[in-house]
Structures are given as C-alpha cells and as structure tokens.
C-alpha atoms as a PDB file:
ATOM      1  CA  UNK A   1      88.147 138.864 120.952  1.00  0.00           C
ATOM      2  CA  UNK A   2      90.135 141.667 122.608  1.00  0.00           C
ATOM      3  CA  UNK A   3      92.731 143.315 120.406  1.00  0.00           C
ATOM      4  CA  UNK A   4      96.314 143.338 121.761  1.00  0.00           C
ATOM      5  CA  UNK A   5      97.400 146.647 123.237  1.00  0.00           C
ATOM      6  CA  UNK A   6     100.067 148.235 121.004  1.00  0.00           C
ATOM      7  CA  UNK A   7     103.512 148.264 122.597  1.00  0.00           C
ATOM      8  CA  UNK A   8     104.535 151.748 123.703  1.00  0.00           C
ATOM      9  CA  UNK A   9     106.995 153.235 126.197  1.00  0.00           C
ATOM     10  CA  UNK A  10     105.115 156.532 126.591  1.00  0.00           C
ATOM     11  CA  UNK A  11     104.099 157.112 130.217  1.00  0.00           C
ATOM     12  CA  UNK A  12     101.148 159.383 130.971  1.00  0.00           C
ATOM     13  CA  UNK A  13     100.630 158.243 134.554  1.00  0.00           C
ATOM     14  CA  UNK A  14     102.591 159.237 137.664  1.00  0.00           C
ATOM     15  CA  UNK A  15     103.679 162.837 138.060  1.00  0.00           C
ATOM     16  CA  UNK A  16     103.160 163.558 134.350  1.00  0.00           C
ATOM     17  CA  UNK A  17      99.451 162.942 134.828  1.00  0.00           C
ATOM     18  CA  UNK A  18      99.346 165.541 137.613  1.00  0.00           C
ATOM     19  CA  UNK A  19     100.741 168.328 135.447  1.00  0.00           C
ATOM     20  CA  UNK A  20      98.382 170.971 134.006  1.00  0.00           C
ATOM     21  CA  UNK A  21      96.892 169.622 130.781  1.00  0.00           C
ATOM     22  CA  UNK A  22      98.597 172.304 128.688  1.00  0.00           C
ATOM     23  CA  UNK A  23     102.052 171.336 129.964  1.00  0.00           C
ATOM     24  CA  UNK A  24     101.787 167.572 129.540  1.00  0.00           C
ATOM     25  CA  UNK A  25     102.616 167.487 125.810  1.00  0.00           C
ATOM     26  CA  UNK A  26     105.807 169.483 126.438  1.00  0.00           C
ATOM     27  CA  UNK A  27     106.865 167.085 129.188  1.00  0.00           C
ATOM     28  CA  UNK A  28     106.203 164.151 126.870  1.00  0.00           C
ATOM     29  CA  UNK A  29     108.035 165.852 123.986  1.00  0.00           C
ATOM     30  CA  UNK A  30     111.125 166.237 126.207  1.00  0.00           C
ATOM     31  CA  UNK A  31     110.695 162.602 127.373  1.00  0.00           C
ATOM     32  CA  UNK A  32     110.447 163.671 131.002  1.00  0.00           C
ATOM     33  CA  UNK A  33     108.175 160.664 131.475  1.00  0.00           C
ATOM     34  CA  UNK A  34     111.140 158.416 130.671  1.00  0.00           C
ATOM     35  CA  UNK A  35     114.261 159.599 132.522  1.00  0.00           C
ATOM     36  CA  UNK A  36     116.297 156.605 131.330  1.00  0.00           C
ATOM     37  CA  UNK A  37     117.464 158.594 128.296  1.00  0.00           C
ATOM     38  CA  UNK A  38     118.683 161.396 130.540  1.00  0.00           C
ATOM     39  CA  UNK A  39     120.600 158.891 132.640  1.00  0.00           C
ATOM     40  CA  UNK A  40     122.243 157.370 129.562  1.00  0.00           C
ATOM     41  CA  UNK A  41     123.327 160.837 128.418  1.00  0.00           C
ATOM     42  CA  UNK A  42     124.453 161.860 131.909  1.00  0.00           C
ATOM     43  CA  UNK A  43     126.478 158.789 132.873  1.00  0.00           C
ATOM     44  CA  UNK A  44     129.282 159.122 130.280  1.00  0.00           C
ATOM     45  CA  UNK A  45     129.732 162.700 131.493  1.00  0.00           C
ATOM     46  CA  UNK A  46     130.248 161.377 135.027  1.00  0.00           C
ATOM     47  CA  UNK A  47     132.808 158.900 133.697  1.00  0.00           C
ATOM     48  CA  UNK A  48     134.739 161.689 131.990  1.00  0.00           C
ATOM     49  CA  UNK A  49     134.626 163.936 135.071  1.00  0.00           C
ATOM     50  CA  UNK A  50     135.927 161.178 137.362  1.00  0.00           C
ATOM     51  CA  UNK A  51     138.703 159.923 135.069  1.00  0.00           C
ATOM     52  CA  UNK A  52     141.487 162.580 134.989  1.00  0.00           C
ATOM     53  CA  UNK A  53     143.957 162.882 137.837  1.00  0.00           C
ATOM     54  CA  UNK A  54     144.660 166.012 139.852  1.00  0.00           C
ATOM     55  CA  UNK A  55     141.144 167.473 139.854  1.00  0.00           C
ATOM     56  CA  UNK A  56     139.790 168.668 143.252  1.00  0.00           C
ATOM     57  CA  UNK A  57     136.763 166.701 144.439  1.00  0.00           C
ATOM     58  CA  UNK A  58     134.788 169.907 144.942  1.00  0.00           C
ATOM     59  CA  UNK A  59     135.249 170.746 141.260  1.00  0.00           C
ATOM     60  CA  UNK A  60     134.170 167.257 140.229  1.00  0.00           C
ATOM     61  CA  UNK A  61     130.994 167.502 142.329  1.00  0.00           C
ATOM     62  CA  UNK A  62     130.163 170.931 140.869  1.00  0.00           C
ATOM     63  CA  UNK A  63     130.600 169.584 137.330  1.00  0.00           C
ATOM     64  CA  UNK A  64     128.494 166.492 138.036  1.00  0.00           C
ATOM     65  CA  UNK A  65     125.629 168.690 139.249  1.00  0.00           C
ATOM     66  CA  UNK A  66     126.013 170.974 136.223  1.00  0.00           C
ATOM     67  CA  UNK A  67     126.109 168.013 133.831  1.00  0.00           C
ATOM     68  CA  UNK A  68     123.026 166.546 135.515  1.00  0.00           C
ATOM     69  CA  UNK A  69     121.010 169.679 134.784  1.00  0.00           C
ATOM     70  CA  UNK A  70     122.488 169.920 131.307  1.00  0.00           C
ATOM     71  CA  UNK A  71     121.609 166.304 130.551  1.00  0.00           C
ATOM     72  CA  UNK A  72     117.929 166.906 131.305  1.00  0.00           C
ATOM     73  CA  UNK A  73     117.898 170.014 129.118  1.00  0.00           C
ATOM     74  CA  UNK A  74     119.926 168.713 126.179  1.00  0.00           C
ATOM     75  CA  UNK A  75     118.282 165.322 126.146  1.00  0.00           C
ATOM     76  CA  UNK A  76     114.981 167.174 125.907  1.00  0.00           C
ATOM     77  CA  UNK A  77     116.334 169.349 123.086  1.00  0.00           C
ATOM     78  CA  UNK A  78     117.573 166.297 121.218  1.00  0.00           C
ATOM     79  CA  UNK A  79     114.179 164.632 121.534  1.00  0.00           C
ATOM     80  CA  UNK A  80     112.450 167.731 120.168  1.00  0.00           C
ATOM     81  CA  UNK A  81     114.772 167.784 117.139  1.00  0.00           C
ATOM     82  CA  UNK A  82     114.269 164.057 116.624  1.00  0.00           C
ATOM     83  CA  UNK A  83     110.477 164.328 116.775  1.00  0.00           C
ATOM     84  CA  UNK A  84     110.413 167.321 114.450  1.00  0.00           C
ATOM     85  CA  UNK A  85     112.289 165.309 111.845  1.00  0.00           C
ATOM     86  CA  UNK A  86     110.400 162.070 112.459  1.00  0.00           C
ATOM     87  CA  UNK A  87     106.809 163.142 113.070  1.00  0.00           C
ATOM     88  CA  UNK A  88     105.560 161.520 109.837  1.00  0.00           C
ATOM     89  CA  UNK A  89     107.428 158.281 110.560  1.00  0.00           C
ATOM     90  CA  UNK A  90     106.305 158.264 114.191  1.00  0.00           C
ATOM     91  CA  UNK A  91     102.647 158.272 113.134  1.00  0.00           C
ATOM     92  CA  UNK A  92     103.215 154.909 111.451  1.00  0.00           C
ATOM     93  CA  UNK A  93     104.958 153.166 114.383  1.00  0.00           C
ATOM     94  CA  UNK A  94     102.865 151.805 117.239  1.00  0.00           C
ATOM     95  CA  UNK A  95     105.419 152.685 119.928  1.00  0.00           C
ATOM     96  CA  UNK A  96     105.722 156.323 118.830  1.00  0.00           C
ATOM     97  CA  UNK A  97     102.302 157.200 117.379  1.00  0.00           C
ATOM     98  CA  UNK A  98     101.280 158.899 120.626  1.00  0.00           C
ATOM     99  CA  UNK A  99     104.186 161.360 120.670  1.00  0.00           C
ATOM    100  CA  UNK A 100     102.987 165.001 120.820  1.00  0.00           C
ATOM    101  CA  UNK A 101     104.033 166.033 117.310  1.00  0.00           C
ATOM    102  CA  UNK A 102     102.933 162.775 115.699  1.00  0.00           C
ATOM    103  CA  UNK A 103      99.540 162.900 117.411  1.00  0.00           C
ATOM    104  CA  UNK A 104      98.991 166.622 116.805  1.00  0.00           C
ATOM    105  CA  UNK A 105      98.993 167.543 120.500  1.00  0.00           C
ATOM    106  CA  UNK A 106     101.650 170.162 119.696  1.00  0.00           C
ATOM    107  CA  UNK A 107     102.339 172.126 116.528  1.00  0.00           C
ATOM    108  CA  UNK A 108     105.722 172.539 114.872  1.00  0.00           C
ATOM    109  CA  UNK A 109     105.761 176.198 115.936  1.00  0.00           C
ATOM    110  CA  UNK A 110     105.179 175.276 119.577  1.00  0.00           C
ATOM    111  CA  UNK A 111     107.919 172.659 119.370  1.00  0.00           C
ATOM    112  CA  UNK A 112     110.345 175.147 117.804  1.00  0.00           C
ATOM    113  CA  UNK A 113     109.739 177.707 120.566  1.00  0.00           C
ATOM    114  CA  UNK A 114     110.222 175.016 123.217  1.00  0.00           C
ATOM    115  CA  UNK A 115     113.448 173.926 121.525  1.00  0.00           C
ATOM    116  CA  UNK A 116     114.726 177.503 121.537  1.00  0.00           C
ATOM    117  CA  UNK A 117     114.050 177.779 125.281  1.00  0.00           C
ATOM    118  CA  UNK A 118     115.889 174.519 125.990  1.00  0.00           C
ATOM    119  CA  UNK A 119     118.871 175.549 123.889  1.00  0.00           C
ATOM    120  CA  UNK A 120     119.045 178.885 125.699  1.00  0.00           C
ATOM    121  CA  UNK A 121     119.237 177.080 129.046  1.00  0.00           C
ATOM    122  CA  UNK A 122     121.860 174.720 127.636  1.00  0.00           C
ATOM    123  CA  UNK A 123     123.902 177.656 126.365  1.00  0.00           C
ATOM    124  CA  UNK A 124     123.964 179.232 129.815  1.00  0.00           C
ATOM    125  CA  UNK A 125     125.152 175.955 131.333  1.00  0.00           C
ATOM    126  CA  UNK A 126     127.878 175.658 128.688  1.00  0.00           C
ATOM    127  CA  UNK A 127     129.134 179.136 129.566  1.00  0.00           C
ATOM    128  CA  UNK A 128     130.032 177.818 133.026  1.00  0.00           C
ATOM    129  CA  UNK A 129     132.621 175.459 131.503  1.00  0.00           C
ATOM    130  CA  UNK A 130     136.168 176.161 130.299  1.00  0.00           C
ATOM    131  CA  UNK A 131     136.826 177.368 126.752  1.00  0.00           C
ATOM    132  CA  UNK A 132     137.875 173.959 125.411  1.00  0.00           C
ATOM    133  CA  UNK A 133     134.651 172.418 126.689  1.00  0.00           C
ATOM    134  CA  UNK A 134     132.607 175.261 125.251  1.00  0.00           C
ATOM    135  CA  UNK A 135     134.052 174.568 121.799  1.00  0.00           C
ATOM    136  CA  UNK A 136     133.430 170.827 122.099  1.00  0.00           C
ATOM    137  CA  UNK A 137     129.926 171.349 123.471  1.00  0.00           C
ATOM    138  CA  UNK A 138     128.982 173.682 120.635  1.00  0.00           C
ATOM    139  CA  UNK A 139     130.337 171.239 118.046  1.00  0.00           C
ATOM    140  CA  UNK A 140     128.191 168.434 119.492  1.00  0.00           C
ATOM    141  CA  UNK A 141     125.093 170.277 118.264  1.00  0.00           C
ATOM    142  CA  UNK A 142     126.048 169.169 114.761  1.00  0.00           C
ATOM    143  CA  UNK A 143     125.620 165.547 115.854  1.00  0.00           C
ATOM    144  CA  UNK A 144     122.333 166.349 117.583  1.00  0.00           C
ATOM    145  CA  UNK A 145     120.987 167.884 114.393  1.00  0.00           C
ATOM    146  CA  UNK A 146     122.215 165.144 112.054  1.00  0.00           C
ATOM    147  CA  UNK A 147     121.304 162.067 114.117  1.00  0.00           C
ATOM    148  CA  UNK A 148     117.620 161.968 113.035  1.00  0.00           C
ATOM    149  CA  UNK A 149     118.762 161.863 109.391  1.00  0.00           C
ATOM    150  CA  UNK A 150     120.862 158.753 109.927  1.00  0.00           C
ATOM    151  CA  UNK A 151     117.997 156.262 109.669  1.00  0.00           C
ATOM    152  CA  UNK A 152     117.179 157.681 106.228  1.00  0.00           C
ATOM    153  CA  UNK A 153     120.630 157.177 104.708  1.00  0.00           C
ATOM    154  CA  UNK A 154     122.371 154.371 106.607  1.00  0.00           C
ATOM    155  CA  UNK A 155     121.731 151.044 108.302  1.00  0.00           C
ATOM    156  CA  UNK A 156     123.804 152.284 111.250  1.00  0.00           C
ATOM    157  CA  UNK A 157     121.742 155.030 112.954  1.00  0.00           C
ATOM    158  CA  UNK A 158     122.469 153.419 116.325  1.00  0.00           C
ATOM    159  CA  UNK A 159     126.181 154.010 115.737  1.00  0.00           C
ATOM    160  CA  UNK A 160     125.480 157.675 114.984  1.00  0.00           C
ATOM    161  CA  UNK A 161     123.467 157.765 118.215  1.00  0.00           C
ATOM    162  CA  UNK A 162     126.511 156.408 120.045  1.00  0.00           C
ATOM    163  CA  UNK A 163     128.675 159.269 118.800  1.00  0.00           C
ATOM    164  CA  UNK A 164     125.937 161.739 119.775  1.00  0.00           C
ATOM    165  CA  UNK A 165     124.845 160.479 123.200  1.00  0.00           C
ATOM    166  CA  UNK A 166     128.375 159.408 124.088  1.00  0.00           C
ATOM    167  CA  UNK A 167     129.763 162.906 123.608  1.00  0.00           C
ATOM    168  CA  UNK A 168     129.324 163.551 127.306  1.00  0.00           C
ATOM    169  CA  UNK A 169     132.414 161.422 127.992  1.00  0.00           C
ATOM    170  CA  UNK A 170     134.974 163.655 126.242  1.00  0.00           C
ATOM    171  CA  UNK A 171     133.065 166.755 127.313  1.00  0.00           C
ATOM    172  CA  UNK A 172     133.183 165.676 130.959  1.00  0.00           C
ATOM    173  CA  UNK A 173     136.891 164.920 130.688  1.00  0.00           C
ATOM    174  CA  UNK A 174     137.790 168.301 129.200  1.00  0.00           C
ATOM    175  CA  UNK A 175     135.516 170.126 131.650  1.00  0.00           C
ATOM    176  CA  UNK A 176     137.410 168.536 134.542  1.00  0.00           C
ATOM    177  CA  UNK A 177     140.951 168.451 133.148  1.00  0.00           C
ATOM    178  CA  UNK A 178     140.927 171.313 130.594  1.00  0.00           C
ATOM    179  CA  UNK A 179     143.032 169.214 128.232  1.00  0.00           C
ATOM    180  CA  UNK A 180     142.802 166.432 125.666  1.00  0.00           C
ATOM    181  CA  UNK A 181     144.588 163.149 126.434  1.00  0.00           C
ATOM    182  CA  UNK A 182     144.730 159.639 124.907  1.00  0.00           C
ATOM    183  CA  UNK A 183     142.582 158.241 127.723  1.00  0.00           C
ATOM    184  CA  UNK A 184     139.779 160.547 126.591  1.00  0.00           C
ATOM    185  CA  UNK A 185     139.632 158.868 123.179  1.00  0.00           C
ATOM    186  CA  UNK A 186     139.614 155.380 124.699  1.00  0.00           C
ATOM    187  CA  UNK A 187     136.752 156.366 127.010  1.00  0.00           C
ATOM    188  CA  UNK A 188     134.782 157.891 124.127  1.00  0.00           C
ATOM    189  CA  UNK A 189     135.289 154.738 122.044  1.00  0.00           C
ATOM    190  CA  UNK A 190     134.066 152.564 124.928  1.00  0.00           C
ATOM    191  CA  UNK A 191     131.031 154.799 125.326  1.00  0.00           C
ATOM    192  CA  UNK A 192     130.181 154.669 121.621  1.00  0.00           C
ATOM    193  CA  UNK A 193     130.164 150.865 121.403  1.00  0.00           C
ATOM    194  CA  UNK A 194     128.265 150.586 124.705  1.00  0.00           C
ATOM    195  CA  UNK A 195     125.566 152.843 123.336  1.00  0.00           C
ATOM    196  CA  UNK A 196     125.588 151.073 119.966  1.00  0.00           C
ATOM    197  CA  UNK A 197     124.870 147.847 121.850  1.00  0.00           C
ATOM    198  CA  UNK A 198     122.049 149.051 124.064  1.00  0.00           C
ATOM    199  CA  UNK A 199     120.404 151.197 121.375  1.00  0.00           C
ATOM    200  CA  UNK A 200     120.389 148.178 119.071  1.00  0.00           C
ATOM    201  CA  UNK A 201     118.525 146.341 121.834  1.00  0.00           C
ATOM    202  CA  UNK A 202     116.121 149.284 122.047  1.00  0.00           C
ATOM    203  CA  UNK A 203     115.571 149.226 118.277  1.00  0.00           C
ATOM    204  CA  UNK A 204     114.437 145.589 118.324  1.00  0.00           C
ATOM    205  CA  UNK A 205     111.104 146.927 119.599  1.00  0.00           C
ATOM    206  CA  UNK A 206     110.303 148.585 116.251  1.00  0.00           C
ATOM    207  CA  UNK A 207     111.563 146.090 113.671  1.00  0.00           C
ATOM    208  CA  UNK A 208     108.180 145.145 112.199  1.00  0.00           C
ATOM    209  CA  UNK A 209     107.048 148.760 111.831  1.00  0.00           C
ATOM    210  CA  UNK A 210     110.458 149.850 110.559  1.00  0.00           C
ATOM    211  CA  UNK A 211     110.430 147.135 107.895  1.00  0.00           C
ATOM    212  CA  UNK A 212     106.896 148.060 106.843  1.00  0.00           C
ATOM    213  CA  UNK A 213     107.677 151.744 106.308  1.00  0.00           C
ATOM    214  CA  UNK A 214     111.250 151.264 105.066  1.00  0.00           C
ATOM    215  CA  UNK A 215     113.191 152.743 107.990  1.00  0.00           C
ATOM    216  CA  UNK A 216     116.743 151.429 108.278  1.00  0.00           C
ATOM    217  CA  UNK A 217     118.260 150.449 111.602  1.00  0.00           C
ATOM    218  CA  UNK A 218     121.178 148.516 113.012  1.00  0.00           C
ATOM    219  CA  UNK A 219     118.585 146.434 114.852  1.00  0.00           C
ATOM    220  CA  UNK A 220     116.997 145.270 111.588  1.00  0.00           C
ATOM    221  CA  UNK A 221     120.426 144.664 110.063  1.00  0.00           C
ATOM    222  CA  UNK A 222     121.604 142.507 112.972  1.00  0.00           C
ATOM    223  CA  UNK A 223     118.307 140.860 113.974  1.00  0.00           C
ATOM    224  CA  UNK A 224     119.534 137.434 112.873  1.00  0.00           C
ATOM    225  CA  UNK A 225     122.686 137.744 114.978  1.00  0.00           C
ATOM    226  CA  UNK A 226     121.345 139.762 117.902  1.00  0.00           C
ATOM    227  CA  UNK A 227     123.291 138.178 120.749  1.00  0.00           C
ATOM    228  CA  UNK A 228     126.508 137.933 118.770  1.00  0.00           C
ATOM    229  CA  UNK A 229     126.403 141.556 117.669  1.00  0.00           C
ATOM    230  CA  UNK A 230     125.459 143.014 121.047  1.00  0.00           C
ATOM    231  CA  UNK A 231     128.004 140.708 122.689  1.00  0.00           C
ATOM    232  CA  UNK A 232     130.755 142.074 120.437  1.00  0.00           C
ATOM    233  CA  UNK A 233     129.694 145.651 121.243  1.00  0.00           C
ATOM    234  CA  UNK A 234     129.785 144.969 124.954  1.00  0.00           C
ATOM    235  CA  UNK A 235     133.119 143.116 124.769  1.00  0.00           C
ATOM    236  CA  UNK A 236     134.591 146.134 122.989  1.00  0.00           C
ATOM    237  CA  UNK A 237     133.106 148.324 125.729  1.00  0.00           C
ATOM    238  CA  UNK A 238     135.029 146.444 128.405  1.00  0.00           C
ATOM    239  CA  UNK A 239     138.185 146.517 126.257  1.00  0.00           C
ATOM    240  CA  UNK A 240     137.807 150.275 125.797  1.00  0.00           C
ATOM    241  CA  UNK A 241     137.370 150.778 129.521  1.00  0.00           C
ATOM    242  CA  UNK A 242     140.499 148.740 130.126  1.00  0.00           C
ATOM    243  CA  UNK A 243     142.403 150.853 127.611  1.00  0.00           C
ATOM    244  CA  UNK A 244     141.353 154.118 129.236  1.00  0.00           C
ATOM    245  CA  UNK A 245     142.313 152.732 132.636  1.00  0.00           C
ATOM    246  CA  UNK A 246     145.767 151.812 131.364  1.00  0.00           C
ATOM    247  CA  UNK A 247     146.265 155.105 129.523  1.00  0.00           C
ATOM    248  CA  UNK A 248     145.187 157.156 132.547  1.00  0.00           C
ATOM    249  CA  UNK A 249     147.411 155.172 134.953  1.00  0.00           C
ATOM    250  CA  UNK A 250     144.434 154.518 137.173  1.00  0.00           C
ATOM    251  CA  UNK A 251     144.653 152.870 140.581  1.00  0.00           C
ATOM    252  CA  UNK A 252     144.348 149.194 141.463  1.00  0.00           C
ATOM    253  CA  UNK A 253     140.722 149.659 142.560  1.00  0.00           C
ATOM    254  CA  UNK A 254     139.752 150.101 138.925  1.00  0.00           C
ATOM    255  CA  UNK A 255     141.150 146.719 137.931  1.00  0.00           C
ATOM    256  CA  UNK A 256     139.595 144.959 140.919  1.00  0.00           C
ATOM    257  CA  UNK A 257     136.153 146.381 140.078  1.00  0.00           C
ATOM    258  CA  UNK A 258     136.243 146.159 136.258  1.00  0.00           C
ATOM    259  CA  UNK A 259     134.853 142.578 136.162  1.00  0.00           C
ATOM    260  CA  UNK A 260     131.571 143.848 137.693  1.00  0.00           C
ATOM    261  CA  UNK A 261     130.295 145.740 134.625  1.00  0.00           C
ATOM    262  CA  UNK A 262     131.624 142.953 132.412  1.00  0.00           C
ATOM    263  CA  UNK A 263     129.350 140.513 134.244  1.00  0.00           C
ATOM    264  CA  UNK A 264     126.348 142.859 133.968  1.00  0.00           C
ATOM    265  CA  UNK A 265     126.903 143.326 130.243  1.00  0.00           C
ATOM    266  CA  UNK A 266     127.295 139.575 129.702  1.00  0.00           C
ATOM    267  CA  UNK A 267     124.055 138.995 131.620  1.00  0.00           C
ATOM    268  CA  UNK A 268     122.234 141.336 129.251  1.00  0.00           C
ATOM    269  CA  UNK A 269     123.484 139.366 126.260  1.00  0.00           C
ATOM    270  CA  UNK A 270     122.392 136.083 127.844  1.00  0.00           C
ATOM    271  CA  UNK A 271     118.856 137.418 128.383  1.00  0.00           C
ATOM    272  CA  UNK A 272     118.446 139.084 124.989  1.00  0.00           C
ATOM    273  CA  UNK A 273     115.549 137.981 122.776  1.00  0.00           C
ATOM    274  CA  UNK A 274     115.038 140.261 119.776  1.00  0.00           C
ATOM    275  CA  UNK A 275     111.454 138.964 119.393  1.00  0.00           C
ATOM    276  CA  UNK A 276     110.417 140.183 122.867  1.00  0.00           C
ATOM    277  CA  UNK A 277     109.829 143.986 122.739  1.00  0.00           C
ATOM    278  CA  UNK A 278     109.013 144.325 126.438  1.00  0.00           C
ATOM    279  CA  UNK A 279     112.068 142.287 127.382  1.00  0.00           C
ATOM    280  CA  UNK A 280     114.273 144.421 125.133  1.00  0.00           C
ATOM    281  CA  UNK A 281     112.958 147.555 126.827  1.00  0.00           C
ATOM    282  CA  UNK A 282     113.804 146.107 130.254  1.00  0.00           C
ATOM    283  CA  UNK A 283     117.351 145.258 129.136  1.00  0.00           C
ATOM    284  CA  UNK A 284     117.771 148.709 127.619  1.00  0.00           C
ATOM    285  CA  UNK A 285     116.726 150.335 130.889  1.00  0.00           C
ATOM    286  CA  UNK A 286     119.090 148.105 132.863  1.00  0.00           C
ATOM    287  CA  UNK A 287     121.975 150.028 131.312  1.00  0.00           C
ATOM    288  CA  UNK A 288     121.364 152.778 133.856  1.00  0.00           C
ATOM    289  CA  UNK A 289     122.504 150.391 136.581  1.00  0.00           C
ATOM    290  CA  UNK A 290     125.335 149.154 134.377  1.00  0.00           C
ATOM    291  CA  UNK A 291     126.497 152.721 133.727  1.00  0.00           C
ATOM    292  CA  UNK A 292     126.385 153.552 137.431  1.00  0.00           C
ATOM    293  CA  UNK A 293     128.583 150.541 138.142  1.00  0.00           C
ATOM    294  CA  UNK A 294     131.073 151.725 135.513  1.00  0.00           C
ATOM    295  CA  UNK A 295     131.121 155.122 137.248  1.00  0.00           C
ATOM    296  CA  UNK A 296     131.935 153.357 140.519  1.00  0.00           C
ATOM    297  CA  UNK A 297     134.737 151.427 138.786  1.00  0.00           C
ATOM    298  CA  UNK A 298     136.313 154.669 137.557  1.00  0.00           C
ATOM    299  CA  UNK A 299     135.817 156.229 141.007  1.00  0.00           C
ATOM    300  CA  UNK A 300     137.566 153.245 142.605  1.00  0.00           C
ATOM    301  CA  UNK A 301     140.500 153.802 140.279  1.00  0.00           C
ATOM    302  CA  UNK A 302     140.606 157.502 141.109  1.00  0.00           C
ATOM    303  CA  UNK A 303     140.566 156.895 144.863  1.00  0.00           C
ATOM    304  CA  UNK A 304     143.371 154.291 144.714  1.00  0.00           C
ATOM    305  CA  UNK A 305     145.564 156.106 142.194  1.00  0.00           C
END
C-alpha cells in the first residue's frame, strides 16, 4: 500500500527549480518559494501608508514601493532567524523537515552570512525613511529576534507573531505622516488580531507534530474552539478597523466598503476545519486577498475624506 505523502508547503518547482542548484537553498531559506508571507508583512505597511491625511500621493507611492522591497528582504531575514532557532524542531515536523537548515542543505555559517546580507539591505532601505520611522524600524528587530523563542515559553506564539508581522502598520503610518496618532494604535491592534487569527489557522497544520515534540502553540490551545476563537479574532479586526477609521476622520467611502472585508473574514470562519491541513493552508493564503480588500477600504476612505 502506498504511504501518504507528508504534508508540506515547501515549493521546489516553478522558478525556484530553474535557479542554479547552489542558490536554491538560499531562496528556500528566505521563503521566496512562498510569497504569501511577504504579502502578509507588506499589506499592513500599505494600510499605514494610506491612512493619514495630508500626504501627497507621490510620497505614498514611493513608500509603497520601498516597503515592498523591504518586505521581501525583512521577511527573508525573519525566516532565517526563525530557522536558525528552530532547525532541531523543524527536523521533527513533516511540513518543515525539508527546510535548508533542518535538512543540512545549508550550514549555520552560510545562513548567518546570508542573514547579514539581508540585514544590510534592510538597513539601507530604513535609511530612506524619516527619523521616527528609523527608530521604530530598528526597535522591531527585537521582536524579530524574540519571536522564535515564543513557542518555547508560551502557548501564544501566534500573538507574538502578530506583534512582529503587524509592525508594518505603525511603521507605514509614521513613514507617511512623521507623527504618532491614536489611529495608528487602533490600526496596529486590528493588524495584530488579524494576524493572530490567520496564523492560528496556519498552525492547525502542525498540531500532531507539535504535540508529539512538545511545542506550544495557540493553534493547539484553541483546537477545540477553532471557529469561535478565529471568529473572535476576526470580529476584533473589523472593530479595530472601524476604530481607526473613526479616529482618523476618514471619508464615507471607508464606511461603505468596510462590510467587504468583514464578509471575507466571516467566510473564512465558516470554512475552517482544524482537522484539514490543506484546507487550513488555503484559508491562510486567502488572507492576501482579504488584506488587499482592506487596503482598498482605507484607500476609499482617503479618496472621499
């Protein structure tokens, strides 16, 4: 009888397969085979850039391009840090056993040099932002470094991930507006609970392996109440978006369009089955489209302000 193929989200086909053999492990280490993570880091930055009033459109477009490049680089750097911490755990999880450090395709020294190169590029991008954003961007590296530890000490690593990946929202706001405002905090809060929800969905893929090796996760903690928990996260996301719209005195277009992401988030909850790893991965990836719709909602508010 054929053995079932282990579930994995590593992609070695497509353009990754056409890279020189020596470069493929680096592309996989930076998760360039799976751009969804870059999107989910990039989108909150777009939200923050579009939210404040009085910013020229040309400046917003420049920042969006800059944040797009930075998201690729810093997402890659975060993945390298994560895999350096987790290489021993990754070897024991079917979905991650093929990662370059876990499989031995790259050494720790090679990963460290690659990380240094990514951080150097990220530093040069950060220097193109205002001083306030430079300070915030530098401080976010603390979260990047600590996130891989979360699963070792808490049942809420997905919440720590929300603070880390969601940092693009306040960074985008300060890069555009060069100030801190109450709407920034509401947007960051909405981003955190959105990411807590979808990363919990993502974590449902690994529950059996995580339980076997003793790794804690919000997904394991909430497995018996999956729809309820993710539904609460997504309801708080919509509430947070409403709060930032009110605090920023956004235009009527925001309020007309806000039900659209609410419907998309509710649809995810209705389709969620924590026992279906492939289905959870599809729902996780669907948050790219959801995040793009939220960007359009904030844009609609900006244009009708």
